[in-house]
Amino acid sequence: MHNLTQRQIEILKAIIEDYIETAEPVGSETLEKKYSLSASPATIRNEMVRLSEFGYLKKPHSSAGRVPTPEGMKFYVSQLMREKVLSTVEEVALKEKVWDYRERMQRFLKEATRSLADKTGALAVATSQDGDVFISGYSNILEMPEFFDIDITKTLLSAIDESEYLFNLCQKMTQEGDEINILMGEDLGSRLQGPYSFVYTHYETPMHGAGEIGVIGPVRLNYTVVVPTVRYFGDLIESIAKGW
């Protein structure tokens, strides 16, 4: 990890948050107009070059702007972003949607996955140690610009259709013991080479049931919302599952 100056941090944060919002490469003029960076477009351009040399930004073909790399996104998530805490009202509403199914594992995970997809606007996935896989939110990804490319969409759908791939991916990374796992770029292996991100958490129920729940989407997922929401669903499963 590089020691960034305060100006570089501000520029990187602005680029990433603008990219998350627009899905478009970000140029120095956009940064100068939209954000209070106290720097000229020329200075911003120079800093963007440095950030690209550090591996945090890249320049897409036929574009004057920059987009974050997986390394840049990881730096943002771990060092720069501020999570949006779920309100009590939001937590209660999500809990009510699955409460009646807490004694039935499959129905519970199905409803939890559906609620997670609705809340995050992404593709939600849940697995169980029994080999079950629950997926919801296919229509969500079809509304994201990244997935207007049929090859990118096809690659994702083909990968998640193979339950063994998801299980192996989750098991390999969860062993590290992190509360929230965020996989991008090379983390996802050869099957998912592209602009994808997988945010998930491991859960264990009172009766020693176990699995993962999370969301899959583009690298520019709104992590400020996605991370706390995924964490909440993992905690919710552990706290109210009954008999499984």
C-alpha atoms as a PDB file:
ATOM      1  CA  MET A   1       0.000   0.000   0.000  1.00  0.00           C
ATOM      2  CA  HIS A   2       1.372   3.397  -1.005  1.00  0.00           C
ATOM      3  CA  ASN A   3       1.576   6.409   1.286  1.00  0.00           C
ATOM      4  CA  LEU A   4      -0.770   8.840  -0.445  1.00  0.00           C
ATOM      5  CA  THR A   5      -0.789  12.570   0.130  1.00  0.00           C
ATOM      6  CA  GLN A   6      -3.976  14.199   1.390  1.00  0.00           C
ATOM      7  CA  ARG A   7      -4.589  15.653  -2.077  1.00  0.00           C
ATOM      8  CA  GLN A   8      -4.202  12.235  -3.713  1.00  0.00           C
ATOM      9  CA  ILE A   9      -6.604  10.721  -1.199  1.00  0.00           C
ATOM     10  CA  GLU A  10      -9.185  13.432  -1.904  1.00  0.00           C
ATOM     11  CA  ILE A  11      -8.847  12.960  -5.653  1.00  0.00           C
ATOM     12  CA  LEU A  12      -9.057   9.174  -5.454  1.00  0.00           C
ATOM     13  CA  LYS A  13     -12.114   9.348  -3.194  1.00  0.00           C
ATOM     14  CA  ALA A  14     -13.836  11.828  -5.512  1.00  0.00           C
ATOM     15  CA  ILE A  15     -13.123   9.729  -8.613  1.00  0.00           C
ATOM     16  CA  ILE A  16     -14.409   6.547  -7.010  1.00  0.00           C
ATOM     17  CA  GLU A  17     -17.584   8.111  -5.644  1.00  0.00           C
ATOM     18  CA  ASP A  18     -18.310   9.808  -8.967  1.00  0.00           C
ATOM     19  CA  TYR A  19     -17.702   6.530 -10.801  1.00  0.00           C
ATOM     20  CA  ILE A  20     -19.994   4.634  -8.420  1.00  0.00           C
ATOM     21  CA  GLU A  21     -22.710   7.163  -9.164  1.00  0.00           C
ATOM     22  CA  THR A  22     -22.321   7.503 -12.936  1.00  0.00           C
ATOM     23  CA  ALA A  23     -20.507   4.355 -14.194  1.00  0.00           C
ATOM     24  CA  GLU A  24     -18.510   6.719 -16.435  1.00  0.00           C
ATOM     25  CA  PRO A  25     -14.766   7.471 -16.527  1.00  0.00           C
ATOM     26  CA  VAL A  26     -13.963  10.608 -14.546  1.00  0.00           C
ATOM     27  CA  GLY A  27     -11.857  13.435 -15.978  1.00  0.00           C
ATOM     28  CA  SER A  28      -9.970  16.271 -14.307  1.00  0.00           C
ATOM     29  CA  GLU A  29     -12.468  18.883 -15.504  1.00  0.00           C
ATOM     30  CA  THR A  30     -15.319  16.983 -13.866  1.00  0.00           C
ATOM     31  CA  LEU A  31     -13.408  16.788 -10.601  1.00  0.00           C
ATOM     32  CA  GLU A  32     -12.516  20.485 -10.692  1.00  0.00           C
ATOM     33  CA  LYS A  33     -16.140  21.520 -11.288  1.00  0.00           C
ATOM     34  CA  LYS A  34     -17.944  19.102  -8.943  1.00  0.00           C
ATOM     35  CA  TYR A  35     -15.590  18.819  -5.987  1.00  0.00           C
ATOM     36  CA  SER A  36     -13.766  21.337  -3.788  1.00  0.00           C
ATOM     37  CA  LEU A  37     -10.276  19.993  -4.334  1.00  0.00           C
ATOM     38  CA  SER A  38      -8.361  23.293  -4.230  1.00  0.00           C
ATOM     39  CA  ALA A  39      -6.322  22.262  -7.248  1.00  0.00           C
ATOM     40  CA  SER A  40      -6.231  23.183 -10.934  1.00  0.00           C
ATOM     41  CA  PRO A  41      -7.206  20.694 -13.651  1.00  0.00           C
ATOM     42  CA  ALA A  42      -3.524  20.407 -14.588  1.00  0.00           C
ATOM     43  CA  THR A  43      -2.551  19.529 -11.010  1.00  0.00           C
ATOM     44  CA  ILE A  44      -5.425  17.058 -10.790  1.00  0.00           C
ATOM     45  CA  ARG A  45      -4.300  15.418 -14.035  1.00  0.00           C
ATOM     46  CA  ASN A  46      -0.780  15.019 -12.689  1.00  0.00           C
ATOM     47  CA  GLU A  47      -2.078  13.417  -9.502  1.00  0.00           C
ATOM     48  CA  MET A  48      -4.307  11.096 -11.534  1.00  0.00           C
ATOM     49  CA  VAL A  49      -1.214   9.944 -13.428  1.00  0.00           C
ATOM     50  CA  ARG A  50       0.525   9.220 -10.126  1.00  0.00           C
ATOM     51  CA  LEU A  51      -2.499   7.303  -8.819  1.00  0.00           C
ATOM     52  CA  SER A  52      -2.494   5.286 -12.036  1.00  0.00           C
ATOM     53  CA  GLU A  53       1.191   4.491 -11.524  1.00  0.00           C
ATOM     54  CA  PHE A  54       0.346   3.288  -8.009  1.00  0.00           C
ATOM     55  CA  GLY A  55      -2.247   0.932  -9.514  1.00  0.00           C
ATOM     56  CA  TYR A  56      -5.336   2.638  -8.074  1.00  0.00           C
ATOM     57  CA  LEU A  57      -6.668   4.077 -11.348  1.00  0.00           C
ATOM     58  CA  LYS A  58      -6.668   3.050 -14.974  1.00  0.00           C
ATOM     59  CA  LYS A  59      -7.519   4.761 -18.242  1.00  0.00           C
ATOM     60  CA  PRO A  60     -10.080   2.927 -20.386  1.00  0.00           C
ATOM     61  CA  HIS A  61      -9.482   2.871 -24.108  1.00  0.00           C
ATOM     62  CA  SER A  62     -10.848   5.862 -26.031  1.00  0.00           C
ATOM     63  CA  SER A  63     -11.470   7.859 -22.862  1.00  0.00           C
ATOM     64  CA  ALA A  64      -9.763  10.873 -21.343  1.00  0.00           C
ATOM     65  CA  GLY A  65     -10.988   9.988 -17.882  1.00  0.00           C
ATOM     66  CA  ARG A  66      -9.988   7.410 -15.300  1.00  0.00           C
ATOM     67  CA  VAL A  67     -11.789   4.621 -13.469  1.00  0.00           C
ATOM     68  CA  PRO A  68     -10.723   2.854 -10.265  1.00  0.00           C
ATOM     69  CA  THR A  69      -8.996  -0.514 -10.417  1.00  0.00           C
ATOM     70  CA  PRO A  70      -9.916  -3.313  -7.997  1.00  0.00           C
ATOM     71  CA  GLU A  71      -6.931  -2.206  -5.890  1.00  0.00           C
ATOM     72  CA  GLY A  72      -8.252   1.330  -5.837  1.00  0.00           C
ATOM     73  CA  MET A  73     -11.692   0.109  -4.793  1.00  0.00           C
ATOM     74  CA  LYS A  74     -10.214  -2.041  -2.023  1.00  0.00           C
ATOM     75  CA  PHE A  75      -8.289   0.946  -0.708  1.00  0.00           C
ATOM     76  CA  TYR A  76     -11.469   3.019  -0.775  1.00  0.00           C
ATOM     77  CA  VAL A  77     -13.498   0.405   1.102  1.00  0.00           C
ATOM     78  CA  SER A  78     -10.861  -0.239   3.748  1.00  0.00           C
ATOM     79  CA  GLN A  79      -9.586   3.296   4.262  1.00  0.00           C
ATOM     80  CA  LEU A  80     -11.863   5.999   2.876  1.00  0.00           C
ATOM     81  CA  MET A  81     -15.540   5.174   2.808  1.00  0.00           C
ATOM     82  CA  ARG A  82     -18.004   5.787   5.608  1.00  0.00           C
ATOM     83  CA  GLU A  83     -20.711   3.148   5.972  1.00  0.00           C
ATOM     84  CA  LYS A  84     -24.350   4.203   6.023  1.00  0.00           C
ATOM     85  CA  VAL A  85     -25.758   2.674   9.190  1.00  0.00           C
ATOM     86  CA  LEU A  86     -29.136   1.011   8.841  1.00  0.00           C
ATOM     87  CA  SER A  87     -31.794   2.802  10.832  1.00  0.00           C
ATOM     88  CA  THR A  88     -33.868   0.972  13.432  1.00  0.00           C
ATOM     89  CA  VAL A  89     -36.879   1.299  11.148  1.00  0.00           C
ATOM     90  CA  GLU A  90     -34.973  -0.333   8.277  1.00  0.00           C
ATOM     91  CA  GLU A  91     -33.732  -3.161  10.500  1.00  0.00           C
ATOM     92  CA  VAL A  92     -37.222  -3.879  11.821  1.00  0.00           C
ATOM     93  CA  ALA A  93     -38.691  -3.882   8.306  1.00  0.00           C
ATOM     94  CA  LEU A  94     -36.082  -6.358   7.052  1.00  0.00           C
ATOM     95  CA  LYS A  95     -36.524  -8.576  10.095  1.00  0.00           C
ATOM     96  CA  GLU A  96     -40.298  -8.689   9.665  1.00  0.00           C
ATOM     97  CA  LYS A  97     -39.934 -10.003   6.105  1.00  0.00           C
ATOM     98  CA  VAL A  98     -38.196 -13.192   7.250  1.00  0.00           C
ATOM     99  CA  TRP A  99     -39.443 -13.631  10.822  1.00  0.00           C
ATOM    100  CA  ASP A 100     -42.254 -16.063   9.994  1.00  0.00           C
ATOM    101  CA  TYR A 101     -39.824 -18.412   8.200  1.00  0.00           C
ATOM    102  CA  ARG A 102     -37.132 -18.651  10.885  1.00  0.00           C
ATOM    103  CA  GLU A 103     -37.900 -22.341  11.563  1.00  0.00           C
ATOM    104  CA  ARG A 104     -37.602 -23.370   7.898  1.00  0.00           C
ATOM    105  CA  MET A 105     -34.103 -23.014   6.536  1.00  0.00           C
ATOM    106  CA  GLN A 106     -34.823 -23.120   2.821  1.00  0.00           C
ATOM    107  CA  ARG A 107     -37.773 -20.738   2.942  1.00  0.00           C
ATOM    108  CA  PHE A 108     -35.883 -18.423   5.293  1.00  0.00           C
ATOM    109  CA  LEU A 109     -32.816 -18.220   3.045  1.00  0.00           C
ATOM    110  CA  LYS A 110     -35.001 -17.755  -0.016  1.00  0.00           C
ATOM    111  CA  GLU A 111     -36.807 -14.792   1.562  1.00  0.00           C
ATOM    112  CA  ALA A 112     -33.595 -13.366   3.018  1.00  0.00           C
ATOM    113  CA  THR A 113     -31.950 -13.468  -0.403  1.00  0.00           C
ATOM    114  CA  ARG A 114     -34.926 -11.745  -1.994  1.00  0.00           C
ATOM    115  CA  SER A 115     -34.936  -9.026   0.670  1.00  0.00           C
ATOM    116  CA  LEU A 116     -31.191  -8.499   0.341  1.00  0.00           C
ATOM    117  CA  ALA A 117     -31.505  -8.102  -3.433  1.00  0.00           C
ATOM    118  CA  ASP A 118     -34.314  -5.573  -3.007  1.00  0.00           C
ATOM    119  CA  LYS A 119     -32.402  -3.590  -0.412  1.00  0.00           C
ATOM    120  CA  THR A 120     -29.079  -3.417  -2.267  1.00  0.00           C
ATOM    121  CA  GLY A 121     -30.311  -3.334  -5.860  1.00  0.00           C
ATOM    122  CA  ALA A 122     -27.820  -6.067  -6.723  1.00  0.00           C
ATOM    123  CA  LEU A 123     -27.801  -9.824  -7.284  1.00  0.00           C
ATOM    124  CA  ALA A 124     -28.108 -11.564  -3.896  1.00  0.00           C
ATOM    125  CA  VAL A 125     -26.753 -15.038  -3.178  1.00  0.00           C
ATOM    126  CA  ALA A 126     -27.032 -17.338  -0.160  1.00  0.00           C
ATOM    127  CA  THR A 127     -25.594 -20.808   0.387  1.00  0.00           C
ATOM    128  CA  SER A 128     -26.023 -23.477   3.035  1.00  0.00           C
ATOM    129  CA  GLN A 129     -23.755 -26.287   4.189  1.00  0.00           C
ATOM    130  CA  ASP A 130     -26.316 -28.706   2.749  1.00  0.00           C
ATOM    131  CA  GLY A 131     -25.417 -27.576  -0.752  1.00  0.00           C
ATOM    132  CA  ASP A 132     -28.365 -25.263  -1.331  1.00  0.00           C
ATOM    133  CA  VAL A 133     -27.882 -22.078  -3.350  1.00  0.00           C
ATOM    134  CA  PHE A 134     -30.427 -19.267  -3.395  1.00  0.00           C
ATOM    135  CA  ILE A 135     -30.195 -16.413  -5.903  1.00  0.00           C
ATOM    136  CA  SER A 136     -32.412 -13.367  -6.328  1.00  0.00           C
ATOM    137  CA  GLY A 137     -32.235 -10.065  -8.172  1.00  0.00           C
ATOM    138  CA  TYR A 138     -31.410 -11.034 -11.747  1.00  0.00           C
ATOM    139  CA  SER A 139     -33.367  -8.029 -13.010  1.00  0.00           C
ATOM    140  CA  ASN A 140     -31.247  -5.698 -10.878  1.00  0.00           C
ATOM    141  CA  ILE A 141     -28.020  -6.377 -12.743  1.00  0.00           C
ATOM    142  CA  LEU A 142     -29.735  -5.957 -16.105  1.00  0.00           C
ATOM    143  CA  GLU A 143     -30.315  -2.306 -15.207  1.00  0.00           C
ATOM    144  CA  MET A 144     -26.605  -1.668 -14.582  1.00  0.00           C
ATOM    145  CA  PRO A 145     -24.573  -0.226 -17.510  1.00  0.00           C
ATOM    146  CA  GLU A 146     -21.770  -2.759 -17.061  1.00  0.00           C
ATOM    147  CA  PHE A 147     -24.173  -5.570 -17.877  1.00  0.00           C
ATOM    148  CA  PHE A 148     -25.454  -4.042 -21.087  1.00  0.00           C
ATOM    149  CA  ASP A 149     -22.512  -5.979 -22.551  1.00  0.00           C
ATOM    150  CA  ILE A 150     -23.962  -9.424 -23.213  1.00  0.00           C
ATOM    151  CA  ASP A 151     -20.599 -11.159 -22.787  1.00  0.00           C
ATOM    152  CA  ILE A 152     -20.095  -9.680 -19.300  1.00  0.00           C
ATOM    153  CA  THR A 153     -23.597 -10.721 -18.300  1.00  0.00           C
ATOM    154  CA  LYS A 154     -23.226 -14.182 -19.788  1.00  0.00           C
ATOM    155  CA  THR A 155     -19.939 -14.766 -17.949  1.00  0.00           C
ATOM    156  CA  LEU A 156     -21.493 -13.830 -14.608  1.00  0.00           C
ATOM    157  CA  LEU A 157     -24.635 -15.922 -15.063  1.00  0.00           C
ATOM    158  CA  SER A 158     -22.607 -18.899 -16.237  1.00  0.00           C
ATOM    159  CA  ALA A 159     -20.337 -18.714 -13.169  1.00  0.00           C
ATOM    160  CA  ILE A 160     -23.079 -18.408 -10.559  1.00  0.00           C
ATOM    161  CA  ASP A 161     -24.973 -21.228 -12.237  1.00  0.00           C
ATOM    162  CA  GLU A 162     -22.171 -23.517 -11.084  1.00  0.00           C
ATOM    163  CA  SER A 163     -22.814 -23.946  -7.368  1.00  0.00           C
ATOM    164  CA  GLU A 164     -19.465 -25.658  -6.842  1.00  0.00           C
ATOM    165  CA  TYR A 165     -17.668 -22.530  -8.038  1.00  0.00           C
ATOM    166  CA  LEU A 166     -19.454 -20.374  -5.464  1.00  0.00           C
ATOM    167  CA  PHE A 167     -18.860 -22.863  -2.655  1.00  0.00           C
ATOM    168  CA  ASN A 168     -15.153 -23.153  -3.402  1.00  0.00           C
ATOM    169  CA  LEU A 169     -14.776 -19.392  -3.674  1.00  0.00           C
ATOM    170  CA  CYS A 170     -16.500 -18.762  -0.348  1.00  0.00           C
ATOM    171  CA  GLN A 171     -14.648 -21.493   1.519  1.00  0.00           C
ATOM    172  CA  LYS A 172     -11.248 -20.374   0.296  1.00  0.00           C
ATOM    173  CA  MET A 173     -11.699 -16.771   1.329  1.00  0.00           C
ATOM    174  CA  THR A 174     -13.778 -17.202   4.500  1.00  0.00           C
ATOM    175  CA  GLN A 175     -10.954 -19.147   6.131  1.00  0.00           C
ATOM    176  CA  GLU A 176      -9.232 -15.811   6.653  1.00  0.00           C
ATOM    177  CA  GLY A 177     -11.841 -15.026   9.301  1.00  0.00           C
ATOM    178  CA  ASP A 178     -12.901 -11.623   8.007  1.00  0.00           C
ATOM    179  CA  GLU A 179     -16.336 -10.404   9.028  1.00  0.00           C
ATOM    180  CA  ILE A 180     -17.041  -9.111   5.531  1.00  0.00           C
ATOM    181  CA  ASN A 181     -15.272 -10.523   2.479  1.00  0.00           C
ATOM    182  CA  ILE A 182     -14.971  -8.366  -0.635  1.00  0.00           C
ATOM    183  CA  LEU A 183     -13.673 -10.102  -3.737  1.00  0.00           C
ATOM    184  CA  MET A 184     -12.701  -8.257  -6.920  1.00  0.00           C
ATOM    185  CA  GLY A 185     -10.421  -8.809  -9.864  1.00  0.00           C
ATOM    186  CA  GLU A 186      -8.062 -11.736  -9.405  1.00  0.00           C
ATOM    187  CA  ASP A 187      -9.788 -12.694  -6.127  1.00  0.00           C
ATOM    188  CA  LEU A 188     -12.638 -14.126  -8.190  1.00  0.00           C
ATOM    189  CA  GLY A 189     -10.475 -16.552 -10.138  1.00  0.00           C
ATOM    190  CA  SER A 190     -10.341 -17.266 -13.844  1.00  0.00           C
ATOM    191  CA  ARG A 191     -14.079 -17.852 -14.198  1.00  0.00           C
ATOM    192  CA  LEU A 192     -14.970 -14.242 -13.413  1.00  0.00           C
ATOM    193  CA  GLN A 193     -12.405 -12.124 -15.197  1.00  0.00           C
ATOM    194  CA  GLY A 194     -14.126  -8.775 -15.575  1.00  0.00           C
ATOM    195  CA  PRO A 195     -15.801  -5.867 -13.759  1.00  0.00           C
ATOM    196  CA  TYR A 196     -17.330  -7.967 -10.976  1.00  0.00           C
ATOM    197  CA  SER A 197     -17.439  -7.730  -7.207  1.00  0.00           C
ATOM    198  CA  PHE A 198     -18.701 -10.194  -4.576  1.00  0.00           C
ATOM    199  CA  VAL A 199     -19.434  -8.969  -1.046  1.00  0.00           C
ATOM    200  CA  TYR A 200     -20.436 -11.643   1.445  1.00  0.00           C
ATOM    201  CA  THR A 201     -20.312 -12.807   5.027  1.00  0.00           C
ATOM    202  CA  HIS A 202     -20.237 -16.199   6.702  1.00  0.00           C
ATOM    203  CA  TYR A 203     -23.006 -17.180   9.113  1.00  0.00           C
ATOM    204  CA  GLU A 204     -23.455 -19.924  11.686  1.00  0.00           C
ATOM    205  CA  THR A 205     -26.827 -20.664  13.267  1.00  0.00           C
ATOM    206  CA  PRO A 206     -27.555 -21.753  16.870  1.00  0.00           C
ATOM    207  CA  MET A 207     -27.985 -25.345  15.637  1.00  0.00           C
ATOM    208  CA  HIS A 208     -24.634 -25.268  13.838  1.00  0.00           C
ATOM    209  CA  GLY A 209     -26.013 -24.600  10.389  1.00  0.00           C
ATOM    210  CA  ALA A 210     -23.608 -22.556   8.285  1.00  0.00           C
ATOM    211  CA  GLY A 211     -23.231 -20.853   4.942  1.00  0.00           C
ATOM    212  CA  GLU A 212     -22.695 -17.512   3.258  1.00  0.00           C
ATOM    213  CA  ILE A 213     -24.911 -14.642   2.199  1.00  0.00           C
ATOM    214  CA  GLY A 214     -23.965 -11.663   0.070  1.00  0.00           C
ATOM    215  CA  VAL A 215     -24.341  -9.770  -3.174  1.00  0.00           C
ATOM    216  CA  ILE A 216     -22.697  -9.838  -6.590  1.00  0.00           C
ATOM    217  CA  GLY A 217     -22.540  -6.885  -8.914  1.00  0.00           C
ATOM    218  CA  PRO A 218     -20.145  -4.545 -10.694  1.00  0.00           C
ATOM    219  CA  VAL A 219     -16.897  -3.347  -9.137  1.00  0.00           C
ATOM    220  CA  ARG A 220     -18.614  -0.017  -8.509  1.00  0.00           C
ATOM    221  CA  LEU A 221     -21.152  -1.424  -6.049  1.00  0.00           C
ATOM    222  CA  ASN A 222     -22.359   1.155  -3.543  1.00  0.00           C
ATOM    223  CA  TYR A 223     -20.243  -0.315  -0.750  1.00  0.00           C
ATOM    224  CA  THR A 224     -21.349   2.283   1.794  1.00  0.00           C
ATOM    225  CA  VAL A 225     -24.777   0.623   1.705  1.00  0.00           C
ATOM    226  CA  VAL A 226     -23.921  -2.900   0.584  1.00  0.00           C
ATOM    227  CA  VAL A 227     -21.350  -3.691   3.292  1.00  0.00           C
ATOM    228  CA  PRO A 228     -23.512  -2.836   6.342  1.00  0.00           C
ATOM    229  CA  THR A 229     -26.566  -4.452   4.750  1.00  0.00           C
ATOM    230  CA  VAL A 230     -24.766  -7.736   4.057  1.00  0.00           C
ATOM    231  CA  ARG A 231     -23.377  -7.672   7.600  1.00  0.00           C
ATOM    232  CA  TYR A 232     -26.877  -7.140   9.004  1.00  0.00           C
ATOM    233  CA  PHE A 233     -28.329 -10.097   7.101  1.00  0.00           C
ATOM    234  CA  GLY A 234     -25.532 -12.345   8.323  1.00  0.00           C
ATOM    235  CA  ASP A 235     -26.165 -11.264  11.905  1.00  0.00           C
ATOM    236  CA  LEU A 236     -29.924 -11.636  11.409  1.00  0.00           C
ATOM    237  CA  ILE A 237     -29.608 -15.263  10.311  1.00  0.00           C
ATOM    238  CA  GLU A 238     -27.459 -16.077  13.332  1.00  0.00           C
ATOM    239  CA  SER A 239     -29.798 -14.353  15.786  1.00  0.00           C
ATOM    240  CA  ILE A 240     -33.236 -15.596  14.739  1.00  0.00           C
ATOM    241  CA  ALA A 241     -32.723 -18.947  12.955  1.00  0.00           C
ATOM    242  CA  LYS A 242     -34.513 -21.607  14.971  1.00  0.00           C
ATOM    243  CA  GLY A 243     -34.058 -25.347  14.712  1.00  0.00           C
ATOM    244  CA  TRP A 244     -31.465 -25.373  11.915  1.00  0.00           C
END
